[in-house]
Amino acid sequence: MSVLKASYAQKKPIADRFFVPLILSLLAGFACQAVAINETATGVTLAEAIEKSLSKHPQLQVQAARYQASLAAIDRAAVAQGREISLELENMLGSGPYRDVDSAEATLSISWVMDGRYRSKRVDVATARQSLTMVQADIMRFDIAADTAQAFLSALAFQARYTLAMQARDNAAAALSDMRRRAGAGSASQIDLLRAEVELERRKLDVEDLSHELDVAYQRLTAQWGGSHSGDVIVRGNLALMPALVAFEQLRSGLEQSPSVRYFLTMARIKAAEIAMTKTQARSAWRFSAGLRRYQETDDYGAVAGITVPLGGRSRSNVIASEIAAGQALDQALAVSEKNQLEVRLFALYQALLHSRHQADALANAIVPRLQQAATAADEAYAMGRFSYSEWLYVRQEWLDAQLALIDARHTAQANLIEIERLTGQSLFVHMEHTQ
């Protein structure tokens, strides 16, 4: 069974082959945040989302039909040119002794073309074109899997932001309740009370905004497999799990196997097969015939045989071969150009990935923990009256902003990983490392 046929049967080779490490990094964790969003919704992992997309995306059905058509083209190319049977009548319906059919001569013959070598080249061309169909299918499946993964990550990041927004709203509500108690006791100003009320309204607006954004993110994800979000689906994963990368040089050295470069190289191979077929055509296929002739006047029979050799085929085929060779040179040049462009894009993505990972590490290990300690200390100081409401609110806002920045940095890092995999067709990971 061919790779493509197997992929259509299994419906998930791209998820297994290229996105497994990222899938593993997103399967665990984040469940507590998801439950806070919808306790009755069904959790969807990245592996399940990609599998659904690869099994239900309508474009893949079109590609499957194209693949079947390419198989039929190979079978058609292997069919030999059919034999021909002909009946020829001569010396009849004329004048004089040939005015009727009494003197007619009948010849029954069979003819065939010696096209075995040419047929083999036709099969080579059809097979090369089938390989192009398989490359196109790989590119399509890569794009669908990568688009699904990006939509999944976006939903996952919005879930984290939404959960954080609800926590901030609850904290603001608790702070307002405390402020009202203080204001009633005369230990808080009316100004601080009004500011606490405004802060709660702002946090409510944040929750509402993110709720809409989250619904849109869910809709974009479910649309990948032709579904529509009705509030019964959430995503489950962990943005905090960061895989260790392979070296940039290893990625760059494998760019020739990237889907887009393989496309142009396959086109060049098709041209090579077409040139070989054209050169075979230059040795024009000879047509042979053999049969039996009956002479009406003498009631005798005789064997007939013939051979037809087309002329001028070599010069015509040389012109066609030259045109195809020019196209082959173009495809090879495009493959080189595509690889060079991919190197530039890969370098930019790799640097962006390193930067986002560095940001995430700094936020997770140095900034957020310190701000968490500062927020805890600010809560204690505010409760004891040593901190004003403005000072307490400023520290809490810093802590909130740092957590949002951490979510963004992790989301960006994971998104860059997916784009590098889409670009190179390579798995980037040698092991999984957990980042707190």
Protein backbone atom coordinates (compact mmCIF):
# COMPACT_ATOMS: atom_id res chain seq x y z
CA MET A 1 0.00 0.00 0.00
CA SER A 2 1.33 3.41 -0.89
CA VAL A 3 1.98 6.12 1.68
CA LEU A 4 -0.88 8.27 0.46
CA LYS A 5 -3.36 5.42 0.24
CA ALA A 6 -2.42 4.40 3.77
CA SER A 7 -2.84 7.97 4.95
CA TYR A 8 -6.35 8.14 3.57
CA ALA A 9 -7.16 4.86 5.26
CA GLN A 10 -5.73 5.85 8.64
CA LYS A 11 -6.77 9.50 8.50
CA LYS A 12 -4.03 10.74 10.86
CA PRO A 13 -0.42 10.30 9.71
CA ILE A 14 0.47 13.99 9.93
CA ALA A 15 -0.70 14.22 13.52
CA ASP A 16 1.29 11.13 14.41
CA ARG A 17 4.43 11.90 12.48
CA PHE A 18 4.97 15.61 12.82
CA PHE A 19 2.94 16.94 15.73
CA VAL A 20 3.35 14.16 18.29
CA PRO A 21 5.91 16.03 20.44
CA LEU A 22 3.77 19.14 20.54
CA ILE A 23 0.69 17.04 21.19
CA LEU A 24 2.40 15.43 24.16
CA SER A 25 3.33 18.85 25.52
CA LEU A 26 -0.28 20.00 25.39
CA LEU A 27 -2.15 16.92 26.58
CA ALA A 28 -1.44 17.28 30.29
CA GLY A 29 -2.40 20.10 32.59
CA PHE A 30 -4.67 23.10 32.21
CA ALA A 31 -7.65 20.98 33.15
CA CYS A 32 -8.45 23.07 36.20
CA GLN A 33 -8.67 26.22 34.08
CA ALA A 34 -10.85 24.47 31.51
CA VAL A 35 -13.27 23.24 34.16
CA ALA A 36 -13.61 26.78 35.43
CA ILE A 37 -14.94 27.73 32.00
CA ASN A 38 -17.48 24.96 31.49
CA GLU A 39 -17.80 21.98 33.81
CA THR A 40 -20.07 20.04 31.43
CA ALA A 41 -18.16 20.61 28.18
CA THR A 42 -16.23 17.84 26.50
CA GLY A 43 -12.47 18.37 26.53
CA VAL A 44 -10.71 18.07 23.17
CA THR A 45 -6.97 17.46 22.99
CA LEU A 46 -4.73 18.62 20.17
CA ALA A 47 -4.37 15.05 18.89
CA GLU A 48 -8.15 14.66 18.72
CA ALA A 49 -8.58 18.02 17.01
CA ILE A 50 -6.03 17.19 14.31
CA GLU A 51 -7.48 13.71 13.82
CA LYS A 52 -10.95 15.19 13.32
CA SER A 53 -9.64 17.73 10.83
CA LEU A 54 -7.72 15.14 8.83
CA SER A 55 -10.71 12.80 8.69
CA LYS A 56 -13.43 15.34 7.86
CA HIS A 57 -11.83 18.23 5.98
CA PRO A 58 -13.55 18.49 2.56
CA GLN A 59 -10.36 19.38 0.70
CA LEU A 60 -8.89 15.99 1.60
CA GLN A 61 -11.81 14.26 -0.08
CA VAL A 62 -10.98 16.16 -3.27
CA GLN A 63 -7.33 15.15 -2.96
CA ALA A 64 -8.32 11.54 -2.43
CA ALA A 65 -10.29 11.64 -5.67
CA ARG A 66 -7.26 13.10 -7.45
CA TYR A 67 -5.12 10.29 -6.12
CA GLN A 68 -7.54 7.67 -7.41
CA ALA A 69 -7.52 9.43 -10.78
CA SER A 70 -3.71 9.25 -10.83
CA LEU A 71 -3.89 5.49 -10.21
CA ALA A 72 -6.30 5.16 -13.12
CA ALA A 73 -3.92 7.19 -15.30
CA ILE A 74 -1.11 4.69 -14.59
CA ASP A 75 -3.38 1.80 -15.57
CA ARG A 76 -4.39 3.62 -18.75
CA ALA A 77 -0.76 4.35 -19.66
CA ALA A 78 0.07 0.64 -19.35
CA VAL A 79 -2.60 -0.40 -21.86
CA ALA A 80 -1.16 -1.39 -25.24
CA GLN A 81 -2.48 0.22 -28.38
CA GLY A 82 -5.27 -1.98 -29.76
CA ARG A 83 -4.99 -4.10 -32.88
CA GLU A 84 -7.03 -3.20 -35.92
CA ILE A 85 -8.87 -5.49 -38.32
CA SER A 86 -9.67 -4.10 -41.74
CA LEU A 87 -11.57 -5.37 -44.81
CA GLU A 88 -10.71 -3.82 -48.18
CA LEU A 89 -12.60 -4.38 -51.44
CA GLU A 90 -11.01 -3.45 -54.79
CA ASN A 91 -11.98 -3.53 -58.50
CA MET A 92 -15.75 -3.12 -58.10
CA LEU A 93 -18.56 -0.73 -59.00
CA GLY A 94 -16.52 0.79 -61.80
CA SER A 95 -16.86 0.55 -65.56
CA GLY A 96 -16.31 -2.21 -68.09
CA PRO A 97 -15.41 -5.50 -66.48
CA TYR A 98 -15.37 -3.80 -63.06
CA ARG A 99 -18.92 -2.44 -63.21
CA ASP A 100 -20.22 -4.98 -60.68
CA VAL A 101 -18.73 -7.03 -57.85
CA ASP A 102 -17.97 -10.16 -59.82
CA SER A 103 -14.33 -9.16 -60.24
CA ALA A 104 -13.89 -7.63 -56.80
CA GLU A 105 -10.82 -8.46 -54.79
CA ALA A 106 -11.27 -8.68 -51.01
CA THR A 107 -8.43 -8.25 -48.51
CA LEU A 108 -8.87 -9.03 -44.80
CA SER A 109 -5.93 -7.89 -42.65
CA ILE A 110 -4.91 -7.23 -39.04
CA SER A 111 -2.46 -4.48 -38.02
CA TRP A 112 -0.67 -3.59 -34.79
CA VAL A 113 1.86 -1.09 -33.45
CA MET A 114 5.11 -2.09 -31.75
CA ASP A 115 4.74 0.33 -28.79
CA GLY A 116 6.12 -1.70 -25.88
CA ARG A 117 9.06 0.62 -25.22
CA TYR A 118 6.88 3.72 -25.62
CA ARG A 119 4.25 2.25 -23.30
CA SER A 120 6.88 1.79 -20.58
CA LYS A 121 7.81 5.48 -20.80
CA ARG A 122 4.15 6.48 -20.59
CA VAL A 123 3.88 4.52 -17.36
CA ASP A 124 6.98 6.30 -16.02
CA VAL A 125 5.39 9.70 -16.71
CA ALA A 126 2.07 8.69 -15.11
CA THR A 127 3.90 7.33 -12.06
CA ALA A 128 5.87 10.56 -11.69
CA ARG A 129 2.64 12.53 -11.88
CA GLN A 130 1.16 10.31 -9.21
CA SER A 131 4.09 11.14 -6.93
CA LEU A 132 3.27 14.83 -7.45
CA THR A 133 -0.28 14.13 -6.33
CA MET A 134 1.12 12.52 -3.19
CA VAL A 135 3.36 15.52 -2.49
CA GLN A 136 0.39 17.86 -2.95
CA ALA A 137 -1.61 15.71 -0.54
CA ASP A 138 1.22 15.89 2.01
CA ILE A 139 1.32 19.68 1.68
CA MET A 140 -2.44 19.90 2.13
CA ARG A 141 -2.44 17.62 5.15
CA PHE A 142 0.46 19.58 6.65
CA ASP A 143 -1.43 22.84 6.19
CA ILE A 144 -4.64 21.43 7.65
CA ALA A 145 -2.83 19.94 10.65
CA ALA A 146 -0.84 23.14 11.23
CA ASP A 147 -3.92 25.37 10.88
CA THR A 148 -5.79 23.15 13.32
CA ALA A 149 -2.90 23.26 15.78
CA GLN A 150 -2.75 27.05 15.53
CA ALA A 151 -6.50 27.33 16.11
CA PHE A 152 -6.19 24.94 19.06
CA LEU A 153 -3.36 26.98 20.61
CA SER A 154 -5.33 30.19 20.14
CA ALA A 155 -8.32 28.68 21.97
CA LEU A 156 -6.03 27.33 24.68
CA ALA A 157 -4.45 30.77 25.21
CA PHE A 158 -7.86 32.47 25.33
CA GLN A 159 -9.00 29.93 27.91
CA ALA A 160 -6.01 30.86 30.08
CA ARG A 161 -6.72 34.58 29.66
CA TYR A 162 -10.41 34.04 30.40
CA THR A 163 -9.66 32.11 33.58
CA LEU A 164 -7.24 34.80 34.69
CA ALA A 165 -9.84 37.48 33.94
CA MET A 166 -12.41 35.68 36.09
CA GLN A 167 -9.91 35.46 38.94
CA ALA A 168 -9.23 39.19 38.62
CA ARG A 169 -12.99 39.88 38.61
CA ASP A 170 -13.49 37.79 41.76
CA ASN A 171 -10.58 39.54 43.46
CA ALA A 172 -12.04 42.92 42.50
CA ALA A 173 -15.44 41.89 43.90
CA ALA A 174 -13.85 40.78 47.17
CA ALA A 175 -11.85 44.05 47.35
CA LEU A 176 -15.03 46.09 46.79
CA SER A 177 -16.84 44.19 49.52
CA ASP A 178 -13.98 44.88 51.89
CA MET A 179 -13.88 48.53 50.79
CA ARG A 180 -17.58 48.95 51.52
CA ARG A 181 -17.06 47.48 54.97
CA ARG A 182 -14.20 49.88 55.58
CA ALA A 183 -16.13 52.83 54.22
CA GLY A 184 -19.03 51.96 56.53
CA ALA A 185 -16.62 51.92 59.43
CA GLY A 186 -15.14 55.25 58.36
CA SER A 187 -11.69 53.84 57.63
CA ALA A 188 -11.86 54.25 53.84
CA SER A 189 -12.52 57.26 51.68
CA GLN A 190 -15.40 57.64 49.24
CA ILE A 191 -12.82 58.08 46.48
CA ASP A 192 -11.33 54.65 47.11
CA LEU A 193 -14.81 53.14 47.23
CA LEU A 194 -15.68 54.63 43.83
CA ARG A 195 -12.38 53.43 42.38
CA ALA A 196 -13.03 49.92 43.68
CA GLU A 197 -16.47 49.96 42.05
CA VAL A 198 -14.93 51.09 38.74
CA GLU A 199 -12.26 48.39 39.01
CA LEU A 200 -14.92 45.70 39.37
CA GLU A 201 -16.82 46.99 36.32
CA ARG A 202 -13.63 46.97 34.29
CA ARG A 203 -12.91 43.38 35.28
CA LYS A 204 -16.45 42.39 34.35
CA LEU A 205 -15.93 43.95 30.93
CA ASP A 206 -12.67 42.02 30.55
CA VAL A 207 -14.50 38.77 31.26
CA GLU A 208 -17.24 39.63 28.77
CA ASP A 209 -14.76 40.59 26.05
CA LEU A 210 -12.72 37.43 26.51
CA SER A 211 -15.88 35.34 26.55
CA HIS A 212 -16.68 36.57 23.04
CA GLU A 213 -13.08 36.08 21.91
CA LEU A 214 -13.12 32.56 23.31
CA ASP A 215 -16.33 31.70 21.46
CA VAL A 216 -14.76 32.91 18.21
CA ALA A 217 -11.64 30.84 18.91
CA TYR A 218 -13.75 27.74 19.53
CA GLN A 219 -15.69 28.38 16.33
CA ARG A 220 -12.49 28.69 14.29
CA LEU A 221 -11.24 25.42 15.73
CA THR A 222 -14.40 23.39 15.19
CA ALA A 223 -14.69 24.79 11.66
CA GLN A 224 -11.50 22.86 10.84
CA TRP A 225 -13.54 19.65 10.86
CA GLY A 226 -16.75 21.18 9.53
CA GLY A 227 -18.40 21.63 12.91
CA SER A 228 -19.84 24.62 14.72
CA HIS A 229 -19.26 25.57 18.34
CA SER A 230 -22.35 25.26 20.52
CA GLY A 231 -20.74 25.61 23.93
CA ASP A 232 -20.15 21.88 24.40
CA VAL A 233 -16.45 21.80 23.51
CA ILE A 234 -13.37 23.10 25.28
CA VAL A 235 -9.70 22.42 24.64
CA ARG A 236 -7.35 20.70 27.06
CA GLY A 237 -3.59 21.12 27.11
CA ASN A 238 -0.71 22.89 28.79
CA LEU A 239 1.07 25.87 27.30
CA ALA A 240 3.75 25.59 29.98
CA LEU A 241 5.32 22.40 28.64
CA MET A 242 8.25 23.43 26.44
CA PRO A 243 10.13 20.84 24.35
CA ALA A 244 13.88 21.05 23.82
CA LEU A 245 14.81 22.05 20.27
CA VAL A 246 17.22 20.48 17.86
CA ALA A 247 20.01 22.67 16.50
CA PHE A 248 19.28 25.20 13.77
CA GLU A 249 21.86 23.66 11.43
CA GLN A 250 20.09 20.35 11.62
CA LEU A 251 16.86 22.01 10.58
CA ARG A 252 18.53 23.93 7.77
CA SER A 253 20.27 20.84 6.41
CA GLY A 254 16.95 19.07 6.05
CA LEU A 255 15.15 21.81 4.14
CA GLU A 256 15.51 19.93 0.86
CA GLN A 257 12.94 17.48 2.22
CA SER A 258 10.46 20.22 3.04
CA PRO A 259 7.10 19.82 1.27
CA SER A 260 7.44 22.93 -0.92
CA VAL A 261 10.95 22.02 -2.13
CA ARG A 262 9.84 18.44 -2.78
CA TYR A 263 7.06 19.81 -4.95
CA PHE A 264 9.45 21.53 -7.38
CA LEU A 265 11.87 18.59 -7.35
CA THR A 266 9.00 16.26 -8.20
CA MET A 267 7.97 18.57 -11.03
CA ALA A 268 11.53 18.32 -12.37
CA ARG A 269 11.34 14.52 -12.19
CA ILE A 270 8.11 14.59 -14.16
CA LYS A 271 9.85 16.65 -16.84
CA ALA A 272 12.69 14.12 -16.95
CA ALA A 273 10.20 11.31 -17.52
CA GLU A 274 8.47 13.33 -20.24
CA ILE A 275 11.80 13.96 -21.99
CA ALA A 276 12.56 10.23 -21.96
CA MET A 277 9.12 9.50 -23.38
CA THR A 278 9.56 12.11 -26.10
CA LYS A 279 12.91 10.68 -27.13
CA THR A 280 11.34 7.24 -27.33
CA GLN A 281 8.63 8.67 -29.54
CA ALA A 282 11.38 9.92 -31.87
CA ARG A 283 12.09 6.29 -32.73
CA SER A 284 8.70 6.25 -34.42
CA ALA A 285 6.64 3.20 -33.63
CA TRP A 286 6.44 0.89 -36.62
CA ARG A 287 3.04 -0.45 -37.68
CA PHE A 288 2.83 -3.97 -39.06
CA SER A 289 -0.05 -5.60 -40.91
CA ALA A 290 -0.76 -9.06 -42.27
CA GLY A 291 -3.77 -10.60 -43.95
CA LEU A 292 -5.37 -12.65 -46.69
CA ARG A 293 -6.51 -11.52 -50.17
CA ARG A 294 -9.09 -13.30 -52.32
CA TYR A 295 -9.07 -12.90 -56.11
CA GLN A 296 -12.65 -13.12 -57.32
CA GLU A 297 -11.93 -13.86 -60.96
CA THR A 298 -9.73 -16.88 -60.32
CA ASP A 299 -11.12 -17.80 -56.91
CA ASP A 300 -7.55 -17.85 -55.57
CA TYR A 301 -6.12 -16.64 -52.26
CA GLY A 302 -2.85 -14.90 -51.37
CA ALA A 303 -1.15 -13.57 -48.27
CA VAL A 304 -0.46 -9.86 -47.86
CA ALA A 305 1.87 -8.08 -45.41
CA GLY A 306 2.89 -4.49 -44.83
CA ILE A 307 4.96 -2.18 -42.67
CA THR A 308 4.50 1.54 -42.00
CA VAL A 309 7.41 3.65 -40.80
CA PRO A 310 6.54 7.30 -39.88
CA LEU A 311 9.08 9.89 -41.05
CA GLY A 312 10.22 13.17 -39.52
CA GLY A 313 9.57 12.15 -35.92
CA ARG A 314 13.10 12.80 -34.62
CA SER A 315 13.27 16.49 -35.48
CA ARG A 316 9.78 17.09 -34.11
CA SER A 317 10.54 15.24 -30.87
CA ASN A 318 13.82 17.13 -30.43
CA VAL A 319 11.92 20.41 -30.43
CA ILE A 320 9.43 19.08 -27.89
CA ALA A 321 12.22 17.63 -25.72
CA SER A 322 14.03 20.98 -25.73
CA GLU A 323 10.90 22.75 -24.56
CA ILE A 324 10.36 20.22 -21.77
CA ALA A 325 14.03 20.46 -20.76
CA ALA A 326 13.65 24.22 -20.38
CA GLY A 327 10.71 23.62 -18.05
CA GLN A 328 12.78 21.10 -16.12
CA ALA A 329 15.58 23.61 -15.66
CA LEU A 330 13.01 26.13 -14.43
CA ASP A 331 11.63 23.68 -11.85
CA GLN A 332 15.13 22.89 -10.60
CA ALA A 333 15.90 26.60 -10.31
CA LEU A 334 12.62 27.14 -8.46
CA ALA A 335 13.55 24.35 -6.05
CA VAL A 336 16.86 26.07 -5.28
CA SER A 337 15.14 29.43 -4.94
CA GLU A 338 12.46 27.98 -2.66
CA LYS A 339 15.10 26.40 -0.44
CA ASN A 340 16.94 29.72 -0.15
CA GLN A 341 13.74 31.52 0.78
CA LEU A 342 12.92 28.83 3.30
CA GLU A 343 16.32 29.30 4.93
CA VAL A 344 15.57 33.00 5.44
CA ARG A 345 12.10 32.29 6.85
CA LEU A 346 13.42 29.46 8.99
CA PHE A 347 16.11 31.68 10.50
CA ALA A 348 13.56 34.37 11.33
CA LEU A 349 11.15 31.86 12.88
CA TYR A 350 13.92 30.18 14.83
CA GLN A 351 15.14 33.48 16.27
CA ALA A 352 11.56 34.46 17.15
CA LEU A 353 11.15 31.09 18.83
CA LEU A 354 14.32 31.52 20.90
CA HIS A 355 13.22 35.01 21.90
CA SER A 356 9.71 33.93 22.94
CA ARG A 357 11.10 30.97 24.89
CA HIS A 358 13.56 33.28 26.66
CA GLN A 359 10.71 35.64 27.51
CA ALA A 360 8.60 32.77 28.82
CA ASP A 361 11.47 31.43 30.93
CA ALA A 362 12.21 34.85 32.41
CA LEU A 363 8.56 35.51 33.19
CA ALA A 364 7.91 32.05 34.63
CA ASN A 365 11.10 31.72 36.69
CA ALA A 366 12.02 35.27 37.68
CA ILE A 367 9.23 37.81 37.22
CA VAL A 368 5.90 36.11 37.99
CA PRO A 369 7.13 34.38 41.22
CA ARG A 370 8.51 37.65 42.58
CA LEU A 371 5.35 39.54 41.69
CA GLN A 372 3.32 36.77 43.30
CA GLN A 373 5.30 37.28 46.50
CA ALA A 374 4.84 41.04 46.16
CA ALA A 375 1.07 40.60 45.68
CA THR A 376 0.86 38.41 48.78
CA ALA A 377 2.84 40.96 50.78
CA ALA A 378 0.66 43.76 49.43
CA ASP A 379 -2.47 41.88 50.53
CA GLU A 380 -1.08 41.56 54.04
CA ALA A 381 0.04 45.20 54.15
CA TYR A 382 -3.30 46.43 52.83
CA ALA A 383 -5.20 44.34 55.36
CA MET A 384 -3.08 45.85 58.16
CA GLY A 385 -3.58 49.39 56.86
CA ARG A 386 0.06 49.92 55.88
CA PHE A 387 -0.76 50.03 52.14
CA SER A 388 -3.18 52.36 50.41
CA TYR A 389 -5.75 51.05 47.97
CA SER A 390 -3.85 52.65 45.08
CA GLU A 391 -0.61 50.92 46.06
CA TRP A 392 -2.36 47.57 46.52
CA LEU A 393 -4.15 47.89 43.18
CA TYR A 394 -0.91 48.79 41.38
CA VAL A 395 0.89 45.67 42.68
CA ARG A 396 -2.05 43.42 41.79
CA GLN A 397 -2.14 44.92 38.29
CA GLU A 398 1.57 44.28 37.80
CA TRP A 399 1.07 40.65 38.82
CA LEU A 400 -1.88 40.30 36.45
CA ASP A 401 0.01 41.89 33.53
CA ALA A 402 2.98 39.56 34.09
CA GLN A 403 0.73 36.49 33.97
CA LEU A 404 -0.89 37.71 30.76
CA ALA A 405 2.56 38.32 29.28
CA LEU A 406 3.57 34.78 30.25
CA ILE A 407 0.53 33.34 28.48
CA ASP A 408 1.35 35.40 25.36
CA ALA A 409 5.01 34.35 25.38
CA ARG A 410 4.18 30.66 25.72
CA HIS A 411 1.51 30.92 23.05
CA THR A 412 3.97 32.63 20.68
CA ALA A 413 6.64 30.01 21.33
CA GLN A 414 4.28 27.11 20.62
CA ALA A 415 2.93 28.86 17.51
CA ASN A 416 6.47 29.34 16.20
CA LEU A 417 7.14 25.64 16.75
CA ILE A 418 4.15 24.73 14.61
CA GLU A 419 5.18 27.08 11.80
CA ILE A 420 8.72 25.69 11.79
CA GLU A 421 7.32 22.18 11.49
CA ARG A 422 5.03 23.29 8.67
CA LEU A 423 8.01 24.89 6.95
CA THR A 424 10.51 22.07 7.30
CA GLY A 425 8.44 18.91 7.53
CA GLN A 426 10.67 17.84 10.42
CA SER A 427 10.04 16.97 14.03
CA LEU A 428 11.89 19.47 16.20
CA PHE A 429 12.04 17.69 19.50
CA VAL A 430 14.54 15.34 21.11
CA HIS A 431 12.87 15.15 24.54
CA MET A 432 10.27 16.93 26.63
CA GLU A 433 11.20 19.31 29.40
CA HIS A 434 8.72 20.80 31.81
CA THR A 435 8.82 24.50 32.57
CA GLN A 436 7.00 25.69 35.65
